[in-house]
Amino acid sequence: QLQFVESGGGLVQPGGSLRLACVPSGFTLDYYGVGWFRQAPGKEHEGISCITARDGSTWYADSVKGRFTIAIDNAKNTVYLEMSSLKPEDTANYYCGAIWGKCLLRNSGKLDPSYFDNFGQGTQVSVSS
């Protein structure tokens, strides 16, 4: 089954940093866009960042802009999400998905997980003192 495996989550204090990794199983990222999403308990899924492998173009939700950085290592076939200045409200399960071609936003300007596929189980990020 074509699916991502996410890793790198953990418990961190407010203001701390983490780097998440997203590795596809069974396919290469060359012709895909890869999105990072998160879901906190009792809240809706939120698309937070996306990168298009072909040209490296990126997108960020306002909630993480300036604090998170998405990057792709083509040699390792891995997408990273570097998170800094973490806040308690960043606590969530983080997961990634793929879209053929390039990142695609809804007309509202948001990243919609229904456009993506191959989701993994995610990795839990908890921000607490």
Foldseek 3Di string as FASTA:
>chain_A
DWAKDKDWADEAAQQAKIKMKIAIDPDAQQFKKKWKWWDDPPDDIFTAKIARNPPGDMDGDPVQPPFWDWDADRVRSMIMIIGGSDDQVVWTFMKMFIAGHYQDADPVRGRDCVRTDRIDPGHTHGYHD
